[in-house]
Amino acid sequence: MSAPVCASAIRAVITRYLALKAALGCHYAIERRVLESLATCVPTITGSTPDLTPDTFSAWAQTLHHLTPTVRRNRL
C-alpha cells in the first residue's frame, strides 16, 4: 500500500530541509525526530490536504500533551 500524497509531499519537504542542514554541518538529531513526528501526524489530521495550516499545527501540538511544558515549548 502506498503512502498518501500528503504524507509524501510533507515528507519530501522535510527530507530536503534536513539534507540542506546536514550539508551545512548541522546534526539536527532532535529536530529530525520532531519533524518526523509532524510528518507522521499531519496526514492523519488533514486527510488529503498536504498543507500545514494553523489548525493542523494546533492538532499536532495537542499530540504533545504528555510532555513537560519545557519540552513541549522546545518542540513547538
PDB file of N, CA and C in Angstrom:
ATOM      1  N   MET A   1       0.848  -1.173   0.000  1.00  0.00           N
ATOM      2  CA  MET A   1       0.000   0.000   0.000  1.00  0.00           C
ATOM      3  C   MET A   1       0.896   1.239   0.000  1.00  0.00           C
ATOM      4  N   SER A   2       0.632   2.174  -0.876  1.00  0.00           N
ATOM      5  CA  SER A   2       1.457   3.376  -0.962  1.00  0.00           C
ATOM      6  C   SER A   2       1.002   4.418   0.048  1.00  0.00           C
ATOM      7  N   ALA A   3       1.938   5.297   0.390  1.00  0.00           N
ATOM      8  CA  ALA A   3       1.640   6.372   1.351  1.00  0.00           C
ATOM      9  C   ALA A   3       0.745   7.405   0.692  1.00  0.00           C
ATOM     10  N   PRO A   4      -0.097   8.084   1.459  1.00  0.00           N
ATOM     11  CA  PRO A   4      -0.927   9.137   0.894  1.00  0.00           C
ATOM     12  C   PRO A   4      -0.063  10.243   0.292  1.00  0.00           C
ATOM     13  N   VAL A   5      -0.611  10.933  -0.688  1.00  0.00           N
ATOM     14  CA  VAL A   5       0.115  12.002  -1.367  1.00  0.00           C
ATOM     15  C   VAL A   5       0.578  13.055  -0.380  1.00  0.00           C
ATOM     16  N   CYS A   6      -0.281  13.410   0.567  1.00  0.00           N
ATOM     17  CA  CYS A   6       0.100  14.449   1.530  1.00  0.00           C
ATOM     18  C   CYS A   6       1.276  13.998   2.384  1.00  0.00           C
ATOM     19  N   ALA A   7       1.327  12.719   2.724  1.00  0.00           N
ATOM     20  CA  ALA A   7       2.455  12.222   3.505  1.00  0.00           C
ATOM     21  C   ALA A   7       3.731  12.339   2.696  1.00  0.00           C
ATOM     22  N   SER A   8       3.648  12.005   1.416  1.00  0.00           N
ATOM     23  CA  SER A   8       4.817  12.095   0.550  1.00  0.00           C
ATOM     24  C   SER A   8       5.247  13.538   0.380  1.00  0.00           C
ATOM     25  N   ALA A   9       4.293  14.437   0.227  1.00  0.00           N
ATOM     26  CA  ALA A   9       4.608  15.849  -0.001  1.00  0.00           C
ATOM     27  C   ALA A   9       5.314  16.456   1.202  1.00  0.00           C
ATOM     28  N   ILE A  10       4.778  16.287   2.372  1.00  0.00           N
ATOM     29  CA  ILE A  10       5.402  16.892   3.558  1.00  0.00           C
ATOM     30  C   ILE A  10       6.712  16.190   3.882  1.00  0.00           C
ATOM     31  N   ARG A  11       6.760  14.883   3.699  1.00  0.00           N
ATOM     32  CA  ARG A  11       7.986  14.154   3.976  1.00  0.00           C
ATOM     33  C   ARG A  11       9.095  14.578   3.022  1.00  0.00           C
ATOM     34  N   ALA A  12       8.753  14.838   1.765  1.00  0.00           N
ATOM     35  CA  ALA A  12       9.749  15.277   0.779  1.00  0.00           C
ATOM     36  C   ALA A  12      10.339  16.634   1.170  1.00  0.00           C
ATOM     37  N   VAL A  13       9.490  17.543   1.623  1.00  0.00           N
ATOM     38  CA  VAL A  13       9.960  18.864   2.050  1.00  0.00           C
ATOM     39  C   VAL A  13      10.870  18.737   3.271  1.00  0.00           C
ATOM     40  N   ILE A  14      10.469  17.926   4.219  1.00  0.00           N
ATOM     41  CA  ILE A  14      11.268  17.733   5.430  1.00  0.00           C
ATOM     42  C   ILE A  14      12.604  17.083   5.089  1.00  0.00           C
ATOM     43  N   THR A  15      12.588  16.098   4.199  1.00  0.00           N
ATOM     44  CA  THR A  15      13.820  15.426   3.794  1.00  0.00           C
ATOM     45  C   THR A  15      14.793  16.402   3.143  1.00  0.00           C
ATOM     46  N   ARG A  16      14.284  17.256   2.256  1.00  0.00           N
ATOM     47  CA  ARG A  16      15.146  18.251   1.607  1.00  0.00           C
ATOM     48  C   ARG A  16      15.706  19.241   2.628  1.00  0.00           C
ATOM     49  N   TYR A  17      14.878  19.677   3.555  1.00  0.00           N
ATOM     50  CA  TYR A  17      15.307  20.619   4.588  1.00  0.00           C
ATOM     51  C   TYR A  17      16.414  20.015   5.443  1.00  0.00           C
ATOM     52  N   LEU A  18      16.222  18.777   5.886  1.00  0.00           N
ATOM     53  CA  LEU A  18      17.227  18.129   6.725  1.00  0.00           C
ATOM     54  C   LEU A  18      18.507  17.846   5.944  1.00  0.00           C
ATOM     55  N   ALA A  19      18.390  17.535   4.660  1.00  0.00           N
ATOM     56  CA  ALA A  19      19.576  17.320   3.826  1.00  0.00           C
ATOM     57  C   ALA A  19      20.371  18.614   3.699  1.00  0.00           C
ATOM     58  N   LEU A  20      19.674  19.724   3.541  1.00  0.00           N
ATOM     59  CA  LEU A  20      20.341  21.023   3.466  1.00  0.00           C
ATOM     60  C   LEU A  20      21.077  21.314   4.767  1.00  0.00           C
ATOM     61  N   LYS A  21      20.417  21.114   5.881  1.00  0.00           N
ATOM     62  CA  LYS A  21      21.047  21.381   7.173  1.00  0.00           C
ATOM     63  C   LYS A  21      22.248  20.466   7.399  1.00  0.00           C
ATOM     64  N   ALA A  22      22.137  19.197   6.971  1.00  0.00           N
ATOM     65  CA  ALA A  22      23.255  18.261   7.103  1.00  0.00           C
ATOM     66  C   ALA A  22      24.428  18.723   6.242  1.00  0.00           C
ATOM     67  N   ALA A  23      24.143  19.215   5.047  1.00  0.00           N
ATOM     68  CA  ALA A  23      25.195  19.707   4.159  1.00  0.00           C
ATOM     69  C   ALA A  23      25.899  20.929   4.753  1.00  0.00           C
ATOM     70  N   LEU A  24      25.180  21.673   5.570  1.00  0.00           N
ATOM     71  CA  LEU A  24      25.757  22.846   6.223  1.00  0.00           C
ATOM     72  C   LEU A  24      26.478  22.492   7.522  1.00  0.00           C
ATOM     73  N   GLY A  25      26.476  21.196   7.870  1.00  0.00           N
ATOM     74  CA  GLY A  25      27.195  20.742   9.050  1.00  0.00           C
ATOM     75  C   GLY A  25      26.363  20.607  10.311  1.00  0.00           C
ATOM     76  N   CYS A  26      25.072  20.777  10.204  1.00  0.00           N
ATOM     77  CA  CYS A  26      24.194  20.650  11.373  1.00  0.00           C
ATOM     78  C   CYS A  26      23.803  19.184  11.565  1.00  0.00           C
ATOM     79  N   HIS A  27      23.778  18.736  12.799  1.00  0.00           N
ATOM     80  CA  HIS A  27      23.379  17.351  13.066  1.00  0.00           C
ATOM     81  C   HIS A  27      21.869  17.220  13.095  1.00  0.00           C
ATOM     82  N   TYR A  28      21.200  18.125  13.725  1.00  0.00           N
ATOM     83  CA  TYR A  28      19.742  18.210  13.744  1.00  0.00           C
ATOM     84  C   TYR A  28      19.050  16.916  14.176  1.00  0.00           C
ATOM     85  N   ALA A  29      19.604  16.197  15.145  1.00  0.00           N
ATOM     86  CA  ALA A  29      19.008  14.941  15.593  1.00  0.00           C
ATOM     87  C   ALA A  29      17.649  15.169  16.255  1.00  0.00           C
ATOM     88  N   ILE A  30      17.575  16.136  17.141  1.00  0.00           N
ATOM     89  CA  ILE A  30      16.308  16.418  17.832  1.00  0.00           C
ATOM     90  C   ILE A  30      15.289  16.959  16.850  1.00  0.00           C
ATOM     91  N   GLU A  31      15.726  17.890  16.014  1.00  0.00           N
ATOM     92  CA  GLU A  31      14.824  18.474  15.024  1.00  0.00           C
ATOM     93  C   GLU A  31      14.303  17.414  14.060  1.00  0.00           C
ATOM     94  N   ARG A  32      15.167  16.460  13.696  1.00  0.00           N
ATOM     95  CA  ARG A  32      14.750  15.369  12.807  1.00  0.00           C
ATOM     96  C   ARG A  32      13.589  14.581  13.427  1.00  0.00           C
ATOM     97  N   ARG A  33      13.726  14.255  14.719  1.00  0.00           N
ATOM     98  CA  ARG A  33      12.661  13.496  15.394  1.00  0.00           C
ATOM     99  C   ARG A  33      11.360  14.294  15.443  1.00  0.00           C
ATOM    100  N   VAL A  34      11.468  15.585  15.735  1.00  0.00           N
ATOM    101  CA  VAL A  34      10.269  16.426  15.809  1.00  0.00           C
ATOM    102  C   VAL A  34       9.596  16.520  14.437  1.00  0.00           C
ATOM    103  N   LEU A  35      10.389  16.763  13.403  1.00  0.00           N
ATOM    104  CA  LEU A  35       9.824  16.892  12.061  1.00  0.00           C
ATOM    105  C   LEU A  35       9.246  15.568  11.553  1.00  0.00           C
ATOM    106  N   GLU A  36       9.868  14.454  11.906  1.00  0.00           N
ATOM    107  CA  GLU A  36       9.303  13.163  11.519  1.00  0.00           C
ATOM    108  C   GLU A  36       7.991  12.904  12.239  1.00  0.00           C
ATOM    109  N   SER A  37       7.898  13.353  13.483  1.00  0.00           N
ATOM    110  CA  SER A  37       6.639  13.252  14.212  1.00  0.00           C
ATOM    111  C   SER A  37       5.550  14.067  13.516  1.00  0.00           C
ATOM    112  N   LEU A  38       5.920  15.259  13.112  1.00  0.00           N
ATOM    113  CA  LEU A  38       4.979  16.121  12.392  1.00  0.00           C
ATOM    114  C   LEU A  38       4.565  15.484  11.067  1.00  0.00           C
ATOM    115  N   ALA A  39       5.532  14.942  10.336  1.00  0.00           N
ATOM    116  CA  ALA A  39       5.249  14.323   9.036  1.00  0.00           C
ATOM    117  C   ALA A  39       4.341  13.112   9.179  1.00  0.00           C
ATOM    118  N   THR A  40       4.459  12.421  10.280  1.00  0.00           N
ATOM    119  CA  THR A  40       3.607  11.258  10.522  1.00  0.00           C
ATOM    120  C   THR A  40       2.200  11.683  10.922  1.00  0.00           C
ATOM    121  N   CYS A  41       2.109  12.741  11.684  1.00  0.00           N
ATOM    122  CA  CYS A  41       0.828  13.182  12.225  1.00  0.00           C
ATOM    123  C   CYS A  41      -0.028  13.963  11.231  1.00  0.00           C
ATOM    124  N   VAL A  42       0.576  14.824  10.432  1.00  0.00           N
ATOM    125  CA  VAL A  42      -0.180  15.702   9.531  1.00  0.00           C
ATOM    126  C   VAL A  42      -1.114  14.937   8.588  1.00  0.00           C
ATOM    127  N   PRO A  43      -0.659  13.867   7.926  1.00  0.00           N
ATOM    128  CA  PRO A  43      -1.573  13.162   7.024  1.00  0.00           C
ATOM    129  C   PRO A  43      -2.795  12.581   7.728  1.00  0.00           C
ATOM    130  N   THR A  44      -2.641  12.165   8.975  1.00  0.00           N
ATOM    131  CA  THR A  44      -3.787  11.608   9.688  1.00  0.00           C
ATOM    132  C   THR A  44      -4.774  12.698  10.086  1.00  0.00           C
ATOM    133  N   ILE A  45      -4.273  13.920  10.249  1.00  0.00           N
ATOM    134  CA  ILE A  45      -5.132  15.044  10.618  1.00  0.00           C
ATOM    135  C   ILE A  45      -5.814  15.635   9.395  1.00  0.00           C
ATOM    136  N   THR A  46      -5.053  15.813   8.311  1.00  0.00           N
ATOM    137  CA  THR A  46      -5.559  16.549   7.152  1.00  0.00           C
ATOM    138  C   THR A  46      -6.295  15.695   6.147  1.00  0.00           C
ATOM    139  N   GLY A  47      -6.090  14.400   6.174  1.00  0.00           N
ATOM    140  CA  GLY A  47      -6.704  13.565   5.152  1.00  0.00           C
ATOM    141  C   GLY A  47      -5.967  13.710   3.842  1.00  0.00           C
ATOM    142  N   SER A  48      -6.559  14.408   2.894  1.00  0.00           N
ATOM    143  CA  SER A  48      -5.936  14.509   1.573  1.00  0.00           C
ATOM    144  C   SER A  48      -5.268  15.861   1.319  1.00  0.00           C
ATOM    145  N   THR A  49      -5.294  16.768   2.274  1.00  0.00           N
ATOM    146  CA  THR A  49      -4.704  18.093   2.077  1.00  0.00           C
ATOM    147  C   THR A  49      -3.261  18.097   2.578  1.00  0.00           C
ATOM    148  N   PRO A  50      -2.296  18.407   1.700  1.00  0.00           N
ATOM    149  CA  PRO A  50      -0.904  18.361   2.115  1.00  0.00           C
ATOM    150  C   PRO A  50      -0.419  19.603   2.851  1.00  0.00           C
ATOM    151  N   ASP A  51      -1.275  20.586   3.045  1.00  0.00           N
ATOM    152  CA  ASP A  51      -0.848  21.845   3.646  1.00  0.00           C
ATOM    153  C   ASP A  51      -0.791  21.771   5.164  1.00  0.00           C
ATOM    154  N   LEU A  52       0.196  22.454   5.707  1.00  0.00           N
ATOM    155  CA  LEU A  52       0.288  22.612   7.148  1.00  0.00           C
ATOM    156  C   LEU A  52      -0.357  23.942   7.486  1.00  0.00           C
ATOM    157  N   THR A  53      -1.538  23.892   8.036  1.00  0.00           N
ATOM    158  CA  THR A  53      -2.308  25.085   8.370  1.00  0.00           C
ATOM    159  C   THR A  53      -2.224  25.326   9.876  1.00  0.00           C
ATOM    160  N   PRO A  54      -2.683  26.487  10.325  1.00  0.00           N
ATOM    161  CA  PRO A  54      -2.723  26.715  11.784  1.00  0.00           C
ATOM    162  C   PRO A  54      -3.548  25.652  12.516  1.00  0.00           C
ATOM    163  N   ASP A  55      -4.641  25.227  11.917  1.00  0.00           N
ATOM    164  CA  ASP A  55      -5.471  24.193  12.554  1.00  0.00           C
ATOM    165  C   ASP A  55      -4.729  22.860  12.630  1.00  0.00           C
ATOM    166  N   THR A  56      -4.029  22.521  11.557  1.00  0.00           N
ATOM    167  CA  THR A  56      -3.249  21.291  11.532  1.00  0.00           C
ATOM    168  C   THR A  56      -2.145  21.350  12.575  1.00  0.00           C
ATOM    169  N   PHE A  57      -1.462  22.482  12.650  1.00  0.00           N
ATOM    170  CA  PHE A  57      -0.393  22.645  13.628  1.00  0.00           C
ATOM    171  C   PHE A  57      -0.940  22.517  15.045  1.00  0.00           C
ATOM    172  N   SER A  58      -2.087  23.115  15.296  1.00  0.00           N
ATOM    173  CA  SER A  58      -2.698  23.025  16.625  1.00  0.00           C
ATOM    174  C   SER A  58      -3.058  21.591  16.972  1.00  0.00           C
ATOM    175  N   ALA A  59      -3.581  20.870  15.997  1.00  0.00           N
ATOM    176  CA  ALA A  59      -3.932  19.467  16.234  1.00  0.00           C
ATOM    177  C   ALA A  59      -2.683  18.645  16.538  1.00  0.00           C
ATOM    178  N   TRP A  60      -1.593  18.905  15.805  1.00  0.00           N
ATOM    179  CA  TRP A  60      -0.339  18.196  16.077  1.00  0.00           C
ATOM    180  C   TRP A  60       0.173  18.570  17.468  1.00  0.00           C
ATOM    181  N   ALA A  61       0.083  19.846  17.819  1.00  0.00           N
ATOM    182  CA  ALA A  61       0.554  20.298  19.132  1.00  0.00           C
ATOM    183  C   ALA A  61      -0.198  19.581  20.254  1.00  0.00           C
ATOM    184  N   GLN A  62      -1.453  19.250  20.023  1.00  0.00           N
ATOM    185  CA  GLN A  62      -2.236  18.538  21.042  1.00  0.00           C
ATOM    186  C   GLN A  62      -1.694  17.130  21.285  1.00  0.00           C
ATOM    187  N   THR A  63      -0.989  16.567  20.301  1.00  0.00           N
ATOM    188  CA  THR A  63      -0.413  15.231  20.494  1.00  0.00           C
ATOM    189  C   THR A  63       0.796  15.263  21.416  1.00  0.00           C
ATOM    190  N   LEU A  64       1.267  16.454  21.752  1.00  0.00           N
ATOM    191  CA  LEU A  64       2.438  16.601  22.616  1.00  0.00           C
ATOM    192  C   LEU A  64       2.048  16.835  24.076  1.00  0.00           C
ATOM    193  N   HIS A  65       0.768  16.670  24.396  1.00  0.00           N
ATOM    194  CA  HIS A  65       0.275  16.995  25.738  1.00  0.00           C
ATOM    195  C   HIS A  65       0.939  16.187  26.847  1.00  0.00           C
ATOM    196  N   HIS A  66       1.468  15.016  26.526  1.00  0.00           N
ATOM    197  CA  HIS A  66       2.077  14.155  27.545  1.00  0.00           C
ATOM    198  C   HIS A  66       3.480  14.619  27.946  1.00  0.00           C
ATOM    199  N   LEU A  67       4.030  15.583  27.228  1.00  0.00           N
ATOM    200  CA  LEU A  67       5.379  16.073  27.509  1.00  0.00           C
ATOM    201  C   LEU A  67       5.354  17.192  28.543  1.00  0.00           C
ATOM    202  N   THR A  68       6.495  17.424  29.156  1.00  0.00           N
ATOM    203  CA  THR A  68       6.575  18.533  30.098  1.00  0.00           C
ATOM    204  C   THR A  68       6.442  19.848  29.328  1.00  0.00           C
ATOM    205  N   PRO A  69       6.010  20.911  29.985  1.00  0.00           N
ATOM    206  CA  PRO A  69       5.843  22.188  29.290  1.00  0.00           C
ATOM    207  C   PRO A  69       7.110  22.681  28.589  1.00  0.00           C
ATOM    208  N   THR A  70       8.263  22.478  29.202  1.00  0.00           N
ATOM    209  CA  THR A  70       9.511  22.943  28.581  1.00  0.00           C
ATOM    210  C   THR A  70       9.816  22.162  27.309  1.00  0.00           C
ATOM    211  N   VAL A  71       9.685  20.856  27.349  1.00  0.00           N
ATOM    212  CA  VAL A  71       9.937  20.033  26.167  1.00  0.00           C
ATOM    213  C   VAL A  71       8.923  20.362  25.081  1.00  0.00           C
ATOM    214  N   ARG A  72       7.676  20.509  25.463  1.00  0.00           N
ATOM    215  CA  ARG A  72       6.616  20.859  24.501  1.00  0.00           C
ATOM    216  C   ARG A  72       6.931  22.203  23.829  1.00  0.00           C
ATOM    217  N   ARG A  73       7.331  23.192  24.622  1.00  0.00           N
ATOM    218  CA  ARG A  73       7.684  24.503  24.061  1.00  0.00           C
ATOM    219  C   ARG A  73       8.844  24.376  23.086  1.00  0.00           C
ATOM    220  N   ASN A  74       9.867  23.632  23.435  1.00  0.00           N
ATOM    221  CA  ASN A  74      11.020  23.463  22.547  1.00  0.00           C
ATOM    222  C   ASN A  74      10.631  22.792  21.243  1.00  0.00           C
ATOM    223  N   ARG A  75       9.742  21.824  21.295  1.00  0.00           N
ATOM    224  CA  ARG A  75       9.339  21.147  20.066  1.00  0.00           C
ATOM    225  C   ARG A  75       8.450  22.031  19.203  1.00  0.00           C
ATOM    226  N   LEU A  76       7.643  22.842  19.845  1.00  0.00           N
ATOM    227  CA  LEU A  76       6.793  23.744  19.073  1.00  0.00           C
ATOM    228  C   LEU A  76       7.631  24.853  18.475  1.00  0.00           C
TER     229      LEU A  76
END
